[in-house]
Amino acid sequence: MNLTLKEIAGIVNGKLIGQENCVIVGVGAIQDAMVGHISFLGNKKYTHFLKDTKASAIFVSEDINVDEYKDKNLIIVKDPQLAFSKMLVIIDKQRLDKIKPGVSPKATLEETVILGKDVTIGHNVVIEDHTVIGDNTKILANTFVGSDVVIGKNCLIYPNVTIREKTIIGDNCIIHPGVVIGGDGFGFAASGEKIPQIGHVEIGNNVEIGSNTTIDRAAIGKTSIGNNTKIDNLVMIAHNVQVGENTIIVSQVGIAGSTKVGNRVTLGGQVGIVGHINIGDNVMVGAKSGISGNIKENQIVSGFPLQPIKEHLKTLALIKKLPDMFENIKKILKKLNIED
């Protein structure tokens, strides 16, 4: 990164107060940024850092009193955090631009593999028969891609990912280290005999999958993840699950087989979901909740057993009072000469 404040103000459509030729080479948090960095004030509780920050410039909101900070270079914007994130995008793009297209001589590709334009294949990548990789996709070191896989354009697949046979992945997807897509579903007959899992996984466009998440292949048919869905680290999605579009799944969620999750759903951390149920569109589920039945659309729920969020908060408040209530009950029983 090497931009003047005048250039940055133009990028974020902000108003610059200060030295327009000041050069910014990096970013930092307001409390520990250094000279040459740009930072932001997104939360007013951090305002006390503004006077002493070493940052060469700060994104601030439109309600700031600039007269108090005449010695600072300020860029006034509607949303300081959003403006700052645009700087992070620039830095991240520079990082990715250093990964040059080409196939490593240490990679192993079967003759029937089809590569698009400007594809990157890293060291020790293995790609099996009849797989197709789209333009500008990057597959980094030690990743395995099975046979008959289709991966779209502009995808970024980090090291040590496993993508098993017949998986379909859309455009603009990001898959982080350690992800396993298309592993066998957990299918066994009552006798204990393994039920072969012969289906596949389909992932839409603009999906991001966090490190060490697993998405199992279907027993038959498909396991599917909709467009624009974002999945955190350490999530387990079982066979034949269908996840809708624009859904957010936070770390350590587990979804059992054949469950359907709607569009624009948010699942908080460590939510557990049984199999063969439906979760409607626009549902929000609080962290550590257990879902054992269908949820209709447009609800906010939490807890186990699951409750509407307001009822759940009331329950939590009562639980805190239980020790005092128990002591009071003991006193009442004693006065009544009733053994507890």
Protein backbone atom coordinates (compact mmCIF):
# COMPACT_ATOMS: atom_id res chain seq x y z
CA MET A 1 0.00 0.00 0.00
CA ASN A 2 1.36 3.39 -0.99
CA LEU A 3 -1.32 6.06 -1.34
CA THR A 4 -1.57 9.76 -0.56
CA LEU A 5 -4.38 11.04 1.64
CA LYS A 6 -5.81 12.84 -1.39
CA GLU A 7 -6.03 9.50 -3.21
CA ILE A 8 -7.55 7.77 -0.18
CA ALA A 9 -10.16 10.50 0.31
CA GLY A 10 -11.20 9.98 -3.30
CA ILE A 11 -11.47 6.23 -2.88
CA VAL A 12 -13.78 6.52 0.15
CA ASN A 13 -15.59 9.68 -1.01
CA GLY A 14 -14.51 11.48 2.15
CA LYS A 15 -13.59 15.03 3.12
CA LEU A 16 -9.91 15.46 3.90
CA ILE A 17 -8.75 17.86 6.60
CA GLY A 18 -4.96 17.93 6.64
CA GLN A 19 -1.98 17.21 4.40
CA GLU A 20 -3.19 15.79 1.09
CA ASN A 21 0.32 14.63 0.09
CA CYS A 22 0.87 12.59 3.25
CA VAL A 23 1.71 9.02 2.15
CA ILE A 24 0.03 6.04 3.82
CA VAL A 25 1.83 2.68 3.69
CA GLY A 26 -0.22 0.61 6.14
CA VAL A 27 -3.11 0.37 8.58
CA GLY A 28 -3.47 -0.07 12.32
CA ALA A 29 -5.81 0.10 15.29
CA ILE A 30 -6.14 3.60 16.66
CA GLN A 31 -4.39 2.75 19.93
CA ASP A 32 -1.29 1.15 18.37
CA ALA A 33 -1.04 2.50 14.81
CA MET A 34 2.33 3.89 13.78
CA VAL A 35 3.51 6.78 11.61
CA GLY A 36 2.57 6.00 8.00
CA HIS A 37 -0.57 4.12 9.07
CA ILE A 38 -4.20 5.09 8.66
CA SER A 39 -6.73 4.13 11.34
CA PHE A 40 -10.38 4.77 12.14
CA LEU A 41 -12.60 5.86 15.02
CA GLY A 42 -15.65 3.65 14.75
CA ASN A 43 -16.78 3.63 18.38
CA LYS A 44 -16.92 6.78 20.47
CA LYS A 45 -15.68 4.96 23.57
CA TYR A 46 -12.24 4.98 21.88
CA THR A 47 -12.26 8.76 21.33
CA HIS A 48 -9.66 9.22 24.07
CA PHE A 49 -7.10 7.49 21.82
CA LEU A 50 -7.57 10.08 19.09
CA LYS A 51 -5.38 12.79 20.61
CA ASP A 52 -2.41 10.51 21.31
CA THR A 53 -2.53 8.14 18.33
CA LYS A 54 0.61 7.98 16.22
CA ALA A 55 -1.42 7.21 13.09
CA SER A 56 -0.72 9.58 10.23
CA ALA A 57 -4.44 9.81 9.45
CA ILE A 58 -7.77 8.71 10.89
CA PHE A 59 -11.18 8.06 9.37
CA VAL A 60 -13.78 9.82 11.54
CA SER A 61 -17.54 10.29 11.40
CA GLU A 62 -19.33 13.44 10.30
CA ASP A 63 -20.26 14.43 13.88
CA ILE A 64 -16.65 14.77 15.07
CA ASN A 65 -15.54 18.15 16.44
CA VAL A 66 -12.56 18.71 14.15
CA ASP A 67 -11.45 21.84 16.03
CA GLU A 68 -10.25 19.61 18.88
CA TYR A 69 -7.86 17.73 16.59
CA LYS A 70 -6.22 20.44 14.45
CA ASP A 71 -2.88 18.62 14.58
CA LYS A 72 -4.35 15.46 13.02
CA ASN A 73 -5.01 14.44 9.45
CA LEU A 74 -8.67 13.48 9.36
CA ILE A 75 -10.85 12.02 6.62
CA ILE A 76 -14.52 12.61 7.39
CA VAL A 77 -16.86 9.90 6.13
CA LYS A 78 -20.35 8.57 6.88
CA ASP A 79 -19.04 5.22 8.09
CA PRO A 80 -15.41 5.15 9.34
CA GLN A 81 -15.31 1.37 9.67
CA LEU A 82 -16.53 0.87 6.11
CA ALA A 83 -13.94 3.34 4.83
CA PHE A 84 -11.23 1.51 6.77
CA SER A 85 -12.38 -1.82 5.35
CA LYS A 86 -11.76 -0.46 1.85
CA MET A 87 -8.11 0.01 2.83
CA LEU A 88 -8.01 -3.61 3.98
CA VAL A 89 -9.42 -4.69 0.61
CA ILE A 90 -6.59 -2.85 -1.16
CA ILE A 91 -3.95 -4.48 1.06
CA ASP A 92 -5.48 -7.93 0.65
CA LYS A 93 -5.62 -7.54 -3.13
CA GLN A 94 -1.93 -6.72 -3.14
CA ARG A 95 -1.29 -9.92 -1.18
CA LEU A 96 -3.28 -12.01 -3.64
CA ASP A 97 -1.68 -10.33 -6.66
CA LYS A 98 1.65 -11.78 -5.50
CA ILE A 99 0.28 -15.27 -6.21
CA LYS A 100 1.12 -15.58 -9.89
CA PRO A 101 -0.78 -17.83 -12.32
CA GLY A 102 0.81 -21.09 -13.35
CA VAL A 103 1.03 -24.76 -12.49
CA SER A 104 3.73 -25.83 -10.05
CA PRO A 105 6.04 -28.54 -11.39
CA LYS A 106 5.44 -30.27 -8.06
CA ALA A 107 1.68 -30.54 -8.71
CA THR A 108 0.06 -33.71 -10.11
CA LEU A 109 -2.73 -33.25 -12.66
CA GLU A 110 -4.34 -36.01 -14.67
CA GLU A 111 -4.32 -35.52 -18.46
CA THR A 112 -8.09 -35.03 -18.59
CA VAL A 113 -8.08 -32.03 -16.23
CA ILE A 114 -9.28 -28.82 -17.91
CA LEU A 115 -7.83 -25.52 -16.68
CA GLY A 116 -9.23 -22.07 -17.48
CA LYS A 117 -7.18 -18.94 -18.09
CA ASP A 118 -4.70 -17.67 -15.47
CA VAL A 119 -5.26 -20.55 -13.06
CA THR A 120 -2.82 -21.04 -10.18
CA ILE A 121 -1.98 -24.57 -9.01
CA GLY A 122 0.39 -24.72 -6.02
CA HIS A 123 3.01 -27.18 -4.83
CA ASN A 124 1.85 -30.77 -4.17
CA VAL A 125 -1.70 -30.16 -5.39
CA VAL A 126 -3.35 -33.30 -6.76
CA ILE A 127 -6.22 -33.02 -9.27
CA GLU A 128 -7.86 -36.18 -10.56
CA ASP A 129 -9.62 -37.17 -13.83
CA HIS A 130 -12.14 -35.01 -15.71
CA THR A 131 -12.06 -32.09 -13.30
CA VAL A 132 -12.65 -28.55 -14.59
CA ILE A 133 -11.12 -25.43 -12.99
CA GLY A 134 -12.44 -21.99 -13.98
CA ASP A 135 -10.54 -18.85 -15.00
CA ASN A 136 -8.42 -17.01 -12.39
CA THR A 137 -8.99 -19.64 -9.71
CA LYS A 138 -6.15 -20.21 -7.24
CA ILE A 139 -5.62 -23.64 -5.66
CA LEU A 140 -2.80 -23.48 -3.14
CA ALA A 141 -0.36 -26.05 -1.81
CA ASN A 142 -1.21 -29.58 -0.66
CA THR A 143 -4.85 -29.45 -1.76
CA PHE A 144 -6.57 -32.55 -3.15
CA VAL A 145 -9.28 -32.26 -5.81
CA GLY A 146 -11.03 -35.48 -6.80
CA SER A 147 -12.39 -36.64 -10.12
CA ASP A 148 -15.34 -35.05 -11.96
CA VAL A 149 -15.17 -31.88 -9.84
CA VAL A 150 -16.20 -28.50 -11.28
CA ILE A 151 -14.77 -25.34 -9.69
CA GLY A 152 -15.88 -21.96 -11.01
CA LYS A 153 -14.08 -18.72 -11.80
CA ASN A 154 -12.15 -16.47 -9.39
CA CYS A 155 -12.14 -18.94 -6.52
CA LEU A 156 -9.45 -18.97 -3.82
CA ILE A 157 -8.74 -22.35 -2.27
CA TYR A 158 -6.18 -22.21 0.51
CA PRO A 159 -3.68 -24.97 1.40
CA ASN A 160 -4.63 -28.41 2.71
CA VAL A 161 -8.22 -28.46 1.43
CA THR A 162 -9.86 -31.74 0.38
CA ILE A 163 -12.53 -31.62 -2.34
CA ARG A 164 -13.82 -35.06 -3.15
CA GLU A 165 -15.26 -36.42 -6.38
CA LYS A 166 -18.27 -34.88 -8.18
CA THR A 167 -18.29 -31.71 -6.05
CA ILE A 168 -19.55 -28.58 -7.81
CA ILE A 169 -18.33 -25.18 -6.62
CA GLY A 170 -19.55 -21.87 -8.07
CA ASP A 171 -17.71 -18.63 -8.87
CA ASN A 172 -15.94 -16.29 -6.43
CA CYS A 173 -15.78 -18.77 -3.55
CA ILE A 174 -13.19 -18.72 -0.76
CA ILE A 175 -12.31 -22.00 0.94
CA HIS A 176 -9.98 -21.80 3.93
CA PRO A 177 -7.34 -24.30 5.10
CA GLY A 178 -8.40 -27.70 6.33
CA VAL A 179 -11.89 -27.71 4.79
CA VAL A 180 -13.23 -31.10 3.67
CA ILE A 181 -15.98 -31.02 1.05
CA GLY A 182 -17.62 -34.26 0.01
CA GLY A 183 -16.52 -36.58 2.78
CA ASP A 184 -18.86 -39.51 3.44
CA GLY A 185 -22.07 -38.82 5.30
CA PHE A 186 -22.56 -40.66 8.60
CA GLY A 187 -24.81 -43.41 7.25
CA PHE A 188 -25.17 -46.85 8.83
CA ALA A 189 -27.90 -49.45 8.85
CA ALA A 190 -29.37 -50.67 12.15
CA SER A 191 -27.14 -53.72 11.85
CA GLY A 192 -24.09 -51.45 11.77
CA GLU A 193 -23.41 -51.99 8.09
CA LYS A 194 -22.13 -48.89 6.30
CA ILE A 195 -24.50 -47.32 3.77
CA PRO A 196 -22.47 -46.10 0.77
CA GLN A 197 -22.67 -42.35 0.23
CA ILE A 198 -22.86 -41.95 -3.55
CA GLY A 199 -24.26 -38.40 -3.84
CA HIS A 200 -22.31 -35.17 -4.09
CA VAL A 201 -22.00 -31.58 -2.82
CA GLU A 202 -23.04 -28.40 -4.66
CA ILE A 203 -21.85 -24.99 -3.49
CA GLY A 204 -23.19 -21.76 -5.01
CA ASN A 205 -21.48 -18.50 -5.97
CA ASN A 206 -19.78 -16.11 -3.53
CA VAL A 207 -19.70 -18.67 -0.72
CA GLU A 208 -16.99 -18.55 1.96
CA ILE A 209 -16.14 -21.61 4.06
CA GLY A 210 -14.00 -21.30 7.20
CA SER A 211 -11.09 -23.46 8.29
CA ASN A 212 -11.69 -27.09 9.28
CA THR A 213 -15.35 -27.04 8.30
CA THR A 214 -16.76 -30.26 6.86
CA ILE A 215 -19.59 -30.56 4.34
CA ASP A 216 -20.55 -34.19 3.76
CA ARG A 217 -21.63 -35.64 0.43
CA ALA A 218 -25.21 -36.82 0.13
CA ALA A 219 -26.17 -40.46 0.49
CA ILE A 220 -28.01 -39.98 -2.80
CA GLY A 221 -28.77 -36.67 -4.49
CA LYS A 222 -26.90 -33.66 -3.15
CA THR A 223 -25.88 -31.63 -0.13
CA SER A 224 -26.19 -27.96 -1.13
CA ILE A 225 -25.04 -24.52 0.02
CA GLY A 226 -26.78 -21.49 -1.55
CA ASN A 227 -25.30 -18.36 -3.10
CA ASN A 228 -23.64 -15.76 -0.83
CA THR A 229 -23.75 -17.95 2.27
CA LYS A 230 -20.88 -17.52 4.74
CA ILE A 231 -19.75 -20.39 6.94
CA ASP A 232 -17.35 -19.95 9.86
CA ASN A 233 -14.61 -22.30 11.10
CA LEU A 234 -15.32 -25.74 12.60
CA VAL A 235 -18.84 -26.15 11.25
CA MET A 236 -20.23 -29.62 10.50
CA ILE A 237 -22.87 -29.96 7.75
CA ALA A 238 -24.17 -33.49 7.30
CA HIS A 239 -25.34 -35.43 4.26
CA ASN A 240 -28.30 -34.14 2.25
CA VAL A 241 -28.52 -30.87 4.19
CA GLN A 242 -29.77 -27.94 2.13
CA VAL A 243 -28.65 -24.46 3.19
CA GLY A 244 -30.25 -21.46 1.48
CA GLU A 245 -28.82 -18.19 0.18
CA ASN A 246 -27.34 -15.29 2.19
CA THR A 247 -27.20 -17.40 5.33
CA ILE A 248 -24.60 -17.03 8.10
CA ILE A 249 -23.41 -20.06 10.06
CA VAL A 250 -21.10 -19.28 12.98
CA SER A 251 -18.36 -21.51 14.41
CA GLN A 252 -19.07 -24.97 15.87
CA VAL A 253 -22.59 -25.29 14.49
CA GLY A 254 -23.62 -28.86 13.74
CA ILE A 255 -26.44 -29.64 11.30
CA ALA A 256 -27.66 -33.23 11.12
CA GLY A 257 -28.70 -34.99 7.92
CA SER A 258 -31.48 -33.94 5.54
CA THR A 259 -32.30 -30.71 7.36
CA LYS A 260 -33.31 -27.69 5.28
CA VAL A 261 -32.08 -24.23 6.34
CA GLY A 262 -33.76 -21.28 4.60
CA ASN A 263 -32.53 -18.03 3.11
CA ARG A 264 -31.09 -15.21 5.25
CA VAL A 265 -30.84 -17.41 8.33
CA THR A 266 -28.30 -16.69 11.10
CA LEU A 267 -27.12 -19.58 13.29
CA GLY A 268 -25.08 -18.49 16.34
CA GLY A 269 -22.03 -20.34 17.60
CA GLN A 270 -22.44 -23.95 18.83
CA VAL A 271 -26.03 -24.29 17.67
CA GLY A 272 -27.01 -27.95 17.33
CA ILE A 273 -29.70 -28.98 14.84
CA VAL A 274 -31.33 -32.41 14.57
CA GLY A 275 -31.96 -34.02 11.22
CA HIS A 276 -34.99 -34.02 8.91
CA ILE A 277 -36.43 -30.63 9.96
CA ASN A 278 -37.09 -27.30 8.23
CA ILE A 279 -35.87 -23.89 9.34
CA GLY A 280 -37.69 -21.05 7.58
CA ASP A 281 -36.35 -17.90 5.96
CA ASN A 282 -35.13 -14.94 8.06
CA VAL A 283 -34.69 -16.97 11.25
CA MET A 284 -32.08 -15.97 13.86
CA VAL A 285 -30.91 -18.55 16.41
CA GLY A 286 -28.90 -17.60 19.50
CA ALA A 287 -25.60 -19.26 20.40
CA LYS A 288 -25.59 -22.68 22.11
CA SER A 289 -29.22 -23.32 21.18
CA GLY A 290 -30.61 -26.76 20.46
CA ILE A 291 -33.09 -27.11 17.59
CA SER A 292 -35.19 -30.25 17.74
CA GLY A 293 -38.14 -29.28 15.53
CA ASN A 294 -39.25 -27.09 12.65
CA ILE A 295 -38.97 -23.29 12.93
CA LYS A 296 -41.31 -21.07 10.96
CA GLU A 297 -39.93 -18.08 9.08
CA ASN A 298 -39.19 -14.63 10.55
CA GLN A 299 -38.47 -15.72 14.13
CA ILE A 300 -35.72 -14.92 16.64
CA VAL A 301 -35.21 -17.84 19.03
CA SER A 302 -32.66 -19.11 21.53
CA GLY A 303 -31.97 -21.68 24.24
CA PHE A 304 -32.65 -25.34 24.88
CA PRO A 305 -35.49 -26.02 24.90
CA LEU A 306 -35.86 -23.42 22.19
CA GLN A 307 -37.89 -20.32 23.05
CA PRO A 308 -38.67 -16.94 21.47
CA ILE A 309 -35.79 -14.68 22.42
CA LYS A 310 -37.76 -12.55 24.91
CA GLU A 311 -38.97 -15.63 26.79
CA HIS A 312 -35.46 -17.06 26.79
CA LEU A 313 -34.02 -13.88 28.33
CA LYS A 314 -36.70 -13.97 31.04
CA THR A 315 -35.82 -17.59 31.76
CA LEU A 316 -32.13 -16.73 32.12
CA ALA A 317 -33.01 -13.94 34.54
CA LEU A 318 -35.05 -16.36 36.67
CA ILE A 319 -32.29 -18.98 36.69
CA LYS A 320 -29.96 -16.47 38.35
CA LYS A 321 -32.51 -16.07 41.15
CA LEU A 322 -32.91 -19.80 41.81
CA PRO A 323 -30.37 -20.03 44.72
CA ASP A 324 -32.14 -17.23 46.63
CA MET A 325 -35.54 -18.72 45.84
CA PHE A 326 -34.37 -22.11 47.12
CA GLU A 327 -33.15 -20.62 50.41
CA ASN A 328 -36.44 -18.77 50.87
CA ILE A 329 -38.40 -21.97 50.24
CA LYS A 330 -36.31 -23.79 52.86
CA LYS A 331 -37.09 -21.05 55.40
CA ILE A 332 -40.82 -21.26 54.63
CA LEU A 333 -40.81 -25.05 54.98
CA LYS A 334 -38.98 -24.79 58.30
CA LYS A 335 -41.54 -22.35 59.68
CA LEU A 336 -44.32 -24.72 58.60
CA ASN A 337 -42.45 -27.68 60.21
CA ILE A 338 -42.33 -29.42 56.83
CA GLU A 339 -39.24 -31.47 56.04
CA ASP A 340 -37.66 -30.61 52.72
